[in-house]
Protein backbone atom coordinates (compact mmCIF):
# COMPACT_ATOMS: atom_id res chain seq x y z
CA UNK A 1 -42.66 53.47 4.03
CA UNK A 2 -39.05 54.32 4.92
CA UNK A 3 -37.06 56.10 2.21
CA UNK A 4 -34.41 54.69 -0.54
CA UNK A 5 -30.67 55.93 0.00
CA UNK A 6 -30.08 58.15 -3.23
CA UNK A 7 -29.02 55.99 -6.25
CA UNK A 8 -29.49 52.70 -4.47
CA UNK A 9 -32.22 49.80 -5.24
CA UNK A 10 -34.80 49.20 -2.90
CA UNK A 11 -37.37 46.00 -4.45
CA UNK A 12 -38.51 46.15 -0.38
CA UNK A 13 -37.86 49.33 0.90
CA UNK A 14 -36.84 49.26 4.67
CA UNK A 15 -36.14 45.27 4.12
CA UNK A 16 -33.86 44.95 1.07
CA UNK A 17 -31.57 47.67 -0.31
CA UNK A 18 -28.96 47.34 -2.86
CA UNK A 19 -26.46 50.18 -3.18
CA UNK A 20 -23.95 48.33 -5.54
CA UNK A 21 -21.35 50.11 -7.92
CA UNK A 22 -21.80 53.59 -6.57
CA UNK A 23 -18.34 54.03 -5.95
CA UNK A 24 -19.05 54.71 -2.02
CA UNK A 25 -16.15 54.86 0.50
CA UNK A 26 -18.74 54.29 2.93
CA UNK A 27 -21.95 53.39 4.21
CA UNK A 28 -24.77 55.48 3.26
CA UNK A 29 -26.89 57.23 6.27
CA UNK A 30 -29.67 57.02 4.87
CA UNK A 31 -29.93 53.33 4.93
CA UNK A 32 -32.92 52.13 7.28
CA UNK A 33 -31.93 50.78 10.34
CA UNK A 34 -35.19 48.19 9.98
CA UNK A 35 -33.14 46.97 6.99
CA UNK A 36 -32.60 42.97 7.12
CA UNK A 37 -30.72 42.52 3.69
CA UNK A 38 -28.49 45.11 2.40
CA UNK A 39 -25.50 44.96 -0.34
CA UNK A 40 -22.72 47.46 -0.84
CA UNK A 41 -20.98 45.62 -3.12
CA UNK A 42 -18.67 46.52 -5.71
CA UNK A 43 -17.78 49.72 -3.91
CA UNK A 44 -14.66 51.31 -2.42
CA UNK A 45 -15.10 50.32 1.10
CA UNK A 46 -11.40 50.02 3.03
CA UNK A 47 -12.65 50.36 6.50
CA UNK A 48 -16.73 49.79 7.67
CA UNK A 49 -15.32 48.88 11.41
CA UNK A 50 -18.54 48.99 13.82
CA UNK A 51 -20.60 51.39 11.21
CA UNK A 52 -23.30 48.29 11.05
CA UNK A 53 -23.86 47.49 14.51
CA UNK A 54 -26.61 49.85 14.84
CA UNK A 55 -28.50 47.52 12.12
CA UNK A 56 -29.61 45.13 14.71
CA UNK A 57 -32.64 43.02 12.43
CA UNK A 58 -29.87 42.62 9.68
CA UNK A 59 -29.63 39.07 8.64
CA UNK A 60 -27.53 39.40 4.91
CA UNK A 61 -24.79 41.48 4.20
CA UNK A 62 -22.54 41.71 1.25
CA UNK A 63 -19.38 43.21 1.11
CA UNK A 64 -17.83 41.72 -1.60
CA UNK A 65 -15.78 43.22 -4.54
CA UNK A 66 -14.52 46.18 -2.23
CA UNK A 67 -11.07 47.23 -0.71
CA UNK A 68 -11.32 45.93 2.67
CA UNK A 69 -7.80 45.51 4.11
CA UNK A 70 -8.89 43.19 7.30
CA UNK A 71 -12.20 41.46 8.30
CA UNK A 72 -14.84 43.63 9.77
CA UNK A 73 -15.16 44.15 13.09
CA UNK A 74 -18.40 45.53 14.95
CA UNK A 75 -21.05 43.56 12.84
CA UNK A 76 -24.36 43.01 14.03
CA UNK A 77 -25.37 39.31 15.75
CA UNK A 78 -27.59 38.73 13.97
CA UNK A 79 -25.72 37.98 10.98
CA UNK A 80 -27.15 34.72 8.67
CA UNK A 81 -25.36 35.61 5.62
CA UNK A 82 -21.93 37.27 5.22
CA UNK A 83 -20.41 37.36 1.80
CA UNK A 84 -16.40 39.35 2.11
CA UNK A 85 -15.76 37.79 -1.86
CA UNK A 86 -12.64 40.17 -3.81
CA UNK A 87 -11.78 41.87 -0.91
CA UNK A 88 -7.78 42.32 0.53
CA UNK A 89 -8.28 40.36 3.65
CA UNK A 90 -5.18 38.56 4.57
CA UNK A 91 -5.26 37.17 8.31
CA UNK A 92 -8.57 36.48 10.33
CA UNK A 93 -7.77 36.79 13.78
CA UNK A 94 -9.71 34.89 16.88
CA UNK A 95 -11.48 37.33 17.91
CA UNK A 96 -13.19 38.64 14.58
CA UNK A 97 -15.85 36.27 14.20
CA UNK A 98 -16.81 35.90 18.32
CA UNK A 99 -20.00 37.66 18.11
CA UNK A 100 -21.52 36.20 14.53
CA UNK A 101 -22.59 32.73 16.51
CA UNK A 102 -25.79 32.82 14.24
CA UNK A 103 -23.79 33.12 10.76
CA UNK A 104 -24.69 29.92 8.78
CA UNK A 105 -23.09 31.22 5.07
CA UNK A 106 -19.45 33.02 5.25
CA UNK A 107 -18.04 33.56 1.81
CA UNK A 108 -14.30 34.64 1.40
CA UNK A 109 -13.58 33.74 -1.69
CA UNK A 110 -10.53 35.32 -3.68
CA UNK A 111 -8.86 37.28 -0.94
CA UNK A 112 -5.51 37.29 -0.05
CA UNK A 113 -5.65 35.00 3.56
CA UNK A 114 -2.53 33.56 4.20
CA UNK A 115 -3.78 32.33 7.75
CA UNK A 116 -6.69 31.82 10.17
CA UNK A 117 -5.83 31.46 13.77
CA UNK A 118 -6.92 28.46 15.39
CA UNK A 119 -10.29 28.57 17.16
CA UNK A 120 -11.05 31.99 14.57
CA UNK A 121 -14.07 29.61 13.10
CA UNK A 122 -14.75 27.33 16.32
CA UNK A 123 -18.22 29.32 17.96
CA UNK A 124 -19.72 29.55 14.32
CA UNK A 125 -21.66 26.86 15.75
CA UNK A 126 -24.84 26.94 12.95
CA UNK A 127 -21.91 27.46 10.21
CA UNK A 128 -23.17 25.43 7.52
CA UNK A 129 -21.28 27.04 3.96
CA UNK A 130 -17.64 28.08 4.42
CA UNK A 131 -16.12 29.58 0.73
CA UNK A 132 -12.41 29.86 1.50
CA UNK A 133 -11.43 29.59 -2.54
CA UNK A 134 -8.98 31.82 -4.34
CA UNK A 135 -6.66 32.37 -0.96
CA UNK A 136 -2.96 31.75 0.05
CA UNK A 137 -3.86 29.09 2.95
CA UNK A 138 -1.45 26.48 3.22
CA UNK A 139 -2.99 24.13 5.72
CA UNK A 140 -6.41 23.31 6.09
CA UNK A 141 -7.91 25.28 9.48
CA UNK A 142 -7.74 24.19 12.45
CA UNK A 143 -11.15 24.00 15.04
CA UNK A 144 -13.42 24.01 11.79
CA UNK A 145 -16.98 23.94 13.19
CA UNK A 146 -18.99 20.64 13.02
CA UNK A 147 -21.68 22.10 11.82
CA UNK A 148 -20.52 22.56 8.21
CA UNK A 149 -22.00 21.02 5.12
CA UNK A 150 -20.26 22.72 2.64
CA UNK A 151 -16.57 23.25 2.25
CA UNK A 152 -15.01 25.03 -0.58
CA UNK A 153 -11.00 25.33 -0.13
CA UNK A 154 -9.98 25.43 -3.81
CA UNK A 155 -7.43 27.43 -5.58
CA UNK A 156 -4.56 27.16 -2.29
CA UNK A 157 -1.74 26.03 -1.51
CA UNK A 158 -2.45 23.07 0.92
CA UNK A 159 -0.20 19.98 0.58
CA UNK A 160 -1.59 17.97 2.87
CA UNK A 161 -4.85 17.30 4.74
CA UNK A 162 -4.87 17.34 7.92
CA UNK A 163 -6.84 14.64 9.59
CA UNK A 164 -7.64 16.18 12.67
CA UNK A 165 -8.67 19.44 11.45
CA UNK A 166 -11.61 16.60 9.07
CA UNK A 167 -12.40 14.13 11.61
CA UNK A 168 -14.08 16.96 13.32
CA UNK A 169 -16.72 17.80 10.34
CA UNK A 170 -18.76 14.95 11.51
CA UNK A 171 -21.75 16.63 9.18
CA UNK A 172 -19.47 17.58 5.91
CA UNK A 173 -21.59 16.70 2.28
CA UNK A 174 -19.59 18.35 -0.31
CA UNK A 175 -15.29 19.04 -0.05
CA UNK A 176 -14.01 21.23 -2.55
CA UNK A 177 -10.17 21.00 -2.52
CA UNK A 178 -8.91 21.21 -6.50
CA UNK A 179 -6.36 23.16 -7.77
CA UNK A 180 -3.81 23.12 -4.37
CA UNK A 181 -0.72 21.03 -3.76
CA UNK A 182 -1.79 18.06 -2.50
CA UNK A 183 0.60 14.87 -3.54
CA UNK A 184 -1.35 12.34 -1.12
CA UNK A 185 -4.54 11.41 0.69
CA UNK A 186 -3.29 9.91 4.34
CA UNK A 187 -5.21 6.54 5.32
CA UNK A 188 -8.14 6.68 6.02
CA UNK A 189 -8.83 10.50 5.70
CA UNK A 190 -12.79 9.95 4.14
CA UNK A 191 -13.45 7.40 6.71
CA UNK A 192 -14.52 9.72 9.74
CA UNK A 193 -16.86 11.50 7.42
CA UNK A 194 -20.49 9.69 7.13
CA UNK A 195 -21.88 12.12 5.17
CA UNK A 196 -20.23 12.98 2.62
CA UNK A 197 -21.16 12.59 -0.79
CA UNK A 198 -19.11 14.86 -2.89
CA UNK A 199 -14.98 15.82 -3.53
CA UNK A 200 -13.34 17.65 -5.84
CA UNK A 201 -9.83 16.39 -5.98
CA UNK A 202 -8.61 17.64 -9.44
CA UNK A 203 -5.59 19.82 -10.18
CA UNK A 204 -3.03 18.99 -7.72
CA UNK A 205 0.36 17.22 -7.79
CA UNK A 206 -0.64 13.70 -7.11
CA UNK A 207 2.56 11.90 -6.42
CA UNK A 208 1.15 8.26 -8.40
CA UNK A 209 3.06 5.96 -5.25
CA UNK A 210 2.36 3.32 -2.40
CA UNK A 211 1.16 6.87 -0.52
CA UNK A 212 -2.03 7.21 -2.79
CA UNK A 213 -3.18 3.72 -2.92
CA UNK A 214 -5.98 4.88 -0.57
CA UNK A 215 -7.27 7.59 -2.93
CA UNK A 216 -7.11 4.80 -6.02
CA UNK A 217 -9.71 2.93 -3.89
CA UNK A 218 -11.85 5.65 -3.26
CA UNK A 219 -12.18 6.42 -6.83
CA UNK A 220 -12.86 2.92 -7.70
CA UNK A 221 -15.66 2.10 -4.89
CA UNK A 222 -17.76 4.69 -6.42
CA UNK A 223 -19.50 5.00 -3.37
CA UNK A 224 -18.56 8.88 -3.38
CA UNK A 225 -19.13 11.54 -6.10
CA UNK A 226 -15.70 12.07 -7.15
CA UNK A 227 -13.75 13.13 -10.62
CA UNK A 228 -12.10 10.40 -11.69
CA UNK A 229 -9.85 12.44 -14.12
CA UNK A 230 -7.05 12.63 -11.65
CA UNK A 231 -3.68 13.22 -13.35
CA UNK A 232 -0.25 11.87 -12.29
CA UNK A 233 3.12 14.63 -11.86
CA UNK A 234 5.47 12.42 -10.07
CA UNK A 235 7.51 9.95 -10.80
CA UNK A 236 8.47 11.09 -14.33
CA UNK A 237 8.18 7.65 -15.52
CA UNK A 238 4.21 8.24 -14.63
CA UNK A 239 3.63 12.03 -15.74
CA UNK A 240 0.69 13.36 -17.54
CA UNK A 241 -1.15 10.26 -16.90
CA UNK A 242 -4.39 9.35 -15.60
CA UNK A 243 -4.21 7.63 -12.16
CA UNK A 244 -7.11 5.38 -12.84
CA UNK A 245 -5.35 4.14 -15.80
CA UNK A 246 -2.30 2.99 -13.63
CA UNK A 247 -2.33 -0.72 -12.48
CA UNK A 248 -1.43 -1.15 -8.88
CA UNK A 249 1.74 -2.67 -9.54
CA UNK A 250 3.08 0.34 -11.33
CA UNK A 251 1.94 2.50 -8.98
CA UNK A 252 3.39 0.65 -5.97
CA UNK A 253 5.45 -2.31 -6.97
CA UNK A 254 6.15 -3.18 -3.82
CA UNK A 255 2.92 -4.02 -2.89
CA UNK A 256 3.87 -7.66 -2.61
CA UNK A 257 4.97 -8.70 0.92
CA UNK A 258 8.96 -8.73 1.61
CA UNK A 259 8.14 -11.63 3.55
CA UNK A 260 5.70 -13.03 1.23
CA UNK A 261 7.60 -12.81 -1.55
CA UNK A 262 10.80 -14.33 0.43
CA UNK A 263 8.33 -17.30 1.15
CA UNK A 264 7.66 -17.95 -2.19
CA UNK A 265 11.57 -17.68 -3.54
CA UNK A 266 11.96 -20.10 -1.05
CA UNK A 267 9.44 -22.54 -1.89
CA UNK A 268 10.98 -22.46 -5.46
CA UNK A 269 14.52 -22.94 -4.66
CA UNK A 270 13.55 -25.80 -2.20
CA UNK A 271 15.20 -29.42 -3.27
CA UNK A 272 11.62 -31.86 -4.12
CA UNK A 273 11.91 -35.01 -1.95
CA UNK A 274 12.71 -37.86 -4.51
CA UNK A 275 9.76 -40.36 -4.89
CA UNK A 276 10.21 -43.43 -2.83
CA UNK A 277 10.19 -46.85 -5.32
CA UNK A 278 8.13 -49.44 -4.10
CA UNK A 279 10.07 -52.91 -3.74
CA UNK A 280 8.89 -55.81 -6.19
CA UNK A 281 9.29 -59.48 -5.67
CA UNK A 282 10.82 -59.89 -9.64
CA UNK A 283 13.34 -58.19 -11.67
CA UNK A 284 10.49 -57.18 -14.21
CA UNK A 285 8.32 -55.41 -11.84
CA UNK A 286 11.58 -54.00 -10.34
CA UNK A 287 12.37 -52.27 -13.24
CA UNK A 288 9.11 -50.95 -14.23
CA UNK A 289 8.91 -49.25 -10.55
CA UNK A 290 11.94 -48.08 -11.33
CA UNK A 291 10.56 -46.35 -14.86
CA UNK A 292 7.54 -44.89 -12.93
CA UNK A 293 10.23 -43.54 -10.20
CA UNK A 294 12.33 -41.81 -12.98
CA UNK A 295 8.61 -40.37 -14.41
CA UNK A 296 7.76 -39.09 -11.22
CA UNK A 297 11.30 -37.49 -10.47
CA UNK A 298 11.55 -35.78 -14.00
CA UNK A 299 7.35 -34.25 -13.44
CA UNK A 300 8.50 -33.40 -9.73
CA UNK A 301 11.55 -31.41 -11.53
CA UNK A 302 9.04 -29.86 -14.59
CA UNK A 303 6.80 -28.70 -11.75
CA UNK A 304 9.92 -26.81 -9.64
CA UNK A 305 11.07 -25.44 -13.10
CA UNK A 306 7.46 -23.57 -13.36
CA UNK A 307 7.39 -22.34 -9.74
CA UNK A 308 10.64 -21.31 -10.00
CA UNK A 309 10.12 -19.15 -13.30
CA UNK A 310 6.66 -17.96 -12.00
CA UNK A 311 8.54 -16.62 -8.53
CA UNK A 312 11.52 -14.84 -10.73
CA UNK A 313 8.14 -13.17 -12.66
CA UNK A 314 6.85 -12.04 -9.11
CA UNK A 315 10.19 -11.07 -8.06
CA UNK A 316 10.87 -8.59 -11.50
CA UNK A 317 6.78 -7.79 -11.31
CA UNK A 318 5.54 -8.59 -14.24
CA UNK A 319 1.91 -8.58 -13.14
CA UNK A 320 1.13 -5.49 -14.95
CA UNK A 321 -2.69 -6.26 -14.88
CA UNK A 322 -3.47 -7.20 -11.73
CA UNK A 323 -6.22 -5.35 -10.30
CA UNK A 324 -6.76 -3.47 -6.98
CA UNK A 325 -8.65 -6.35 -5.39
CA UNK A 326 -6.89 -9.21 -6.99
CA UNK A 327 -3.63 -7.54 -5.20
CA UNK A 328 -5.50 -7.35 -1.72
CA UNK A 329 -6.61 -10.75 -1.30
CA UNK A 330 -3.01 -12.40 -2.79
CA UNK A 331 -1.68 -9.94 0.15
CA UNK A 332 -3.66 -11.38 2.20
CA UNK A 333 -3.61 -15.34 1.27
CA UNK A 334 -1.14 -17.10 2.95
CA UNK A 335 1.42 -19.33 0.44
CA UNK A 336 0.52 -22.69 -0.09
CA UNK A 337 3.88 -25.04 -0.51
CA UNK A 338 3.56 -27.13 -3.63
CA UNK A 339 2.46 -30.57 -3.19
CA UNK A 340 5.98 -32.41 -3.89
CA UNK A 341 7.48 -30.27 -0.57
CA UNK A 342 4.77 -31.77 1.96
CA UNK A 343 6.24 -34.12 4.75
CA UNK A 344 4.96 -37.57 4.36
CA UNK A 345 2.71 -38.46 8.13
CA UNK A 346 4.36 -40.47 10.86
CA UNK A 347 2.73 -44.02 9.64
CA UNK A 348 4.82 -43.31 6.14
CA UNK A 349 8.05 -42.27 7.75
CA UNK A 350 8.11 -45.21 9.82
CA UNK A 351 7.43 -47.44 6.52
CA UNK A 352 10.34 -45.90 4.73
CA UNK A 353 12.55 -46.77 8.15
CA UNK A 354 11.23 -49.79 8.15
CA UNK A 355 12.28 -50.48 4.37
CA UNK A 356 15.79 -48.67 4.61
CA UNK A 357 16.86 -51.31 7.54
CA UNK A 358 15.57 -54.05 6.16
CA UNK A 359 12.52 -55.47 8.64
CA UNK A 360 9.10 -55.87 7.81
CA UNK A 361 6.30 -53.90 9.44
CA UNK A 362 4.90 -57.01 11.27
CA UNK A 363 4.43 -55.75 15.28
CA UNK A 364 4.12 -59.29 16.66
CA UNK A 365 6.94 -61.09 14.40
CA UNK A 366 9.49 -62.59 16.95
CA UNK A 367 12.99 -63.09 15.99
CA UNK A 368 12.96 -66.27 14.97
CA UNK A 369 10.04 -65.97 12.54
CA UNK A 370 11.58 -63.16 10.67
CA UNK A 371 14.91 -65.17 10.39
CA UNK A 372 13.45 -68.19 8.95
CA UNK A 373 10.80 -66.13 6.67
CA UNK A 374 14.06 -64.25 5.18
CA UNK A 375 16.02 -67.53 4.63
CA UNK A 376 13.03 -68.84 2.64
CA UNK A 377 12.90 -66.15 0.18
CA UNK A 378 14.37 -66.17 -3.21
CA UNK A 379 17.85 -65.56 -3.25
CA UNK A 380 17.94 -64.31 -6.76
CA UNK A 381 14.74 -61.54 -5.68
CA UNK A 382 16.15 -58.15 -5.62
CA UNK A 383 16.39 -56.36 -1.70
CA UNK A 384 13.77 -53.39 -1.01
CA UNK A 385 15.13 -50.70 -2.36
CA UNK A 386 15.42 -48.06 0.76
CA UNK A 387 13.81 -44.84 0.21
CA UNK A 388 16.80 -42.06 -1.00
CA UNK A 389 16.84 -38.70 0.86
CA UNK A 390 17.66 -35.40 0.10
CA UNK A 391 21.70 -34.62 -0.42
CA UNK A 392 22.36 -32.19 2.47
CA UNK A 393 25.08 -30.27 2.85
CA UNK A 394 26.88 -32.67 5.53
CA UNK A 395 26.22 -35.65 3.07
CA UNK A 396 28.58 -33.53 0.76
CA UNK A 397 31.31 -32.68 3.34
CA UNK A 398 30.99 -36.90 4.26
CA UNK A 399 31.47 -37.80 0.67
CA UNK A 400 34.18 -35.28 0.15
CA UNK A 401 35.95 -37.04 3.10
CA UNK A 402 35.87 -40.40 1.83
CA UNK A 403 36.89 -39.17 -1.79
CA UNK A 404 39.83 -37.85 -0.07
CA UNK A 405 40.55 -41.12 1.70
CA UNK A 406 40.76 -43.58 -1.35
CA UNK A 407 42.89 -40.99 -3.08
CA UNK A 408 45.43 -41.15 0.52
CA UNK A 409 45.06 -45.25 -0.09
CA UNK A 410 45.97 -45.47 -3.66
CA UNK A 411 48.65 -43.21 -3.37
CA UNK A 412 50.12 -45.60 -0.56
CA UNK A 413 49.24 -48.73 -2.46
CA UNK A 414 51.04 -47.39 -5.30
CA UNK A 415 54.16 -46.60 -3.29
CA UNK A 416 54.28 -49.91 -2.06
CA UNK A 417 53.89 -51.40 -5.25
CA UNK A 418 56.91 -49.26 -6.87
CA UNK A 419 59.25 -50.55 -3.74
CA UNK A 420 58.35 -54.21 -4.09
CA UNK A 421 59.38 -53.81 -7.72
CA UNK A 422 62.85 -52.28 -6.79
CA UNK A 423 63.35 -54.84 -4.36
CA UNK A 424 62.77 -57.60 -7.34
CA UNK A 425 65.13 -55.91 -9.43
CA UNK A 426 67.43 -55.53 -7.19
CA UNK A 427 67.10 -59.73 -6.65
CA UNK A 428 67.33 -60.48 -9.61
CA UNK A 429 71.08 -58.47 -10.29
CA UNK A 430 72.50 -60.57 -7.43
CA UNK A 431 71.30 -63.95 -8.40
CA UNK A 432 73.83 -64.49 -11.61
CA UNK A 433 76.66 -62.91 -9.57
CA UNK A 434 76.59 -65.57 -6.44
CA UNK A 435 76.00 -68.78 -9.52
CA UNK A 436 79.32 -67.36 -11.14
CA UNK A 437 81.31 -67.54 -7.82
CA UNK A 438 79.68 -70.81 -7.11
CA UNK A 439 80.71 -72.67 -10.66
């Protein structure tokens, strides 16, 4: 039976050796080389480079709670579990883990790691659990192994989720990135992770604006096991409020597309076409049709006012209770113009033109027949009322010109009258003088 080092605990001598909290500054020399699990945690080890290479069968190694300033070199390739939490490691070079292709678990929690060189973890093709909690990382490590199932990046300084770093983690099941500096989650960040089932995103600096709507949708979907108590830090008027307690319009007021909102406003301000009045053979029916037409115009104006009011409400974002799903369907739905804004079919247009010109819509009628029919009609019968058309800007210009012309004609007539009046007065004065001279 292999001896147990002094002060150590050996539940299985030669296989499991625990030399913890002994104030050791180096690996005990009496540790059997056949040991498969060794723990020298809670000591004062500063450097163990190449001291453990002779342990060719070592599978589990704990160097946690020591004074290591860098990642140990020369570790045996047989290692499957390496625990290095609570040391003083500041960076990890690309060659530090080159020979550790059998690692399935690596724990680097509570160190001072500021940087991990690209590709430093790429060769760990069997790594499943990686813990980097409580370090000083500002971004996700590049080239993470695709074999990872659990990744803990909590309590760092990460401010953004890099899509290239996440896209390779096709086997990832648990992601912890809470207590970081995340402000939003990029679109489709989790879409390429088919096995993801748990995400922790609490205690970040969430900016509850339009960029966070992707995360908002994930929280509502319930497809993942996620903490839903995400608290907003910005903007100021939403600070300290839970993300899921907000509506879509409160998070992103411009969720309605500008072109759709413009289309709605244009539809609301468009002048509705006046209803056409049907001609009637007698005055009584004509007055009734005129009354019906006025009622239709009044109804169209009231509808127009309602649509205008609704569009003003949309413009000022008063849809505070609008859910996200409703908002998405609202964006996808094409705006439909009100019924009174639709144009008449070609047949109706032809009928209106016939009414304006005073013609009847018979196709085979000759000019003589039309003349005879017109002469035979009652003279007192009212003429068909033409279909009024919308008043355009061009019409207003014509009306203005006609008004100016009328004013000029009136002034000219007034001037002629004044001249005639003066001529008549002068003739009246001359006439008595002529009579007196003749006497």
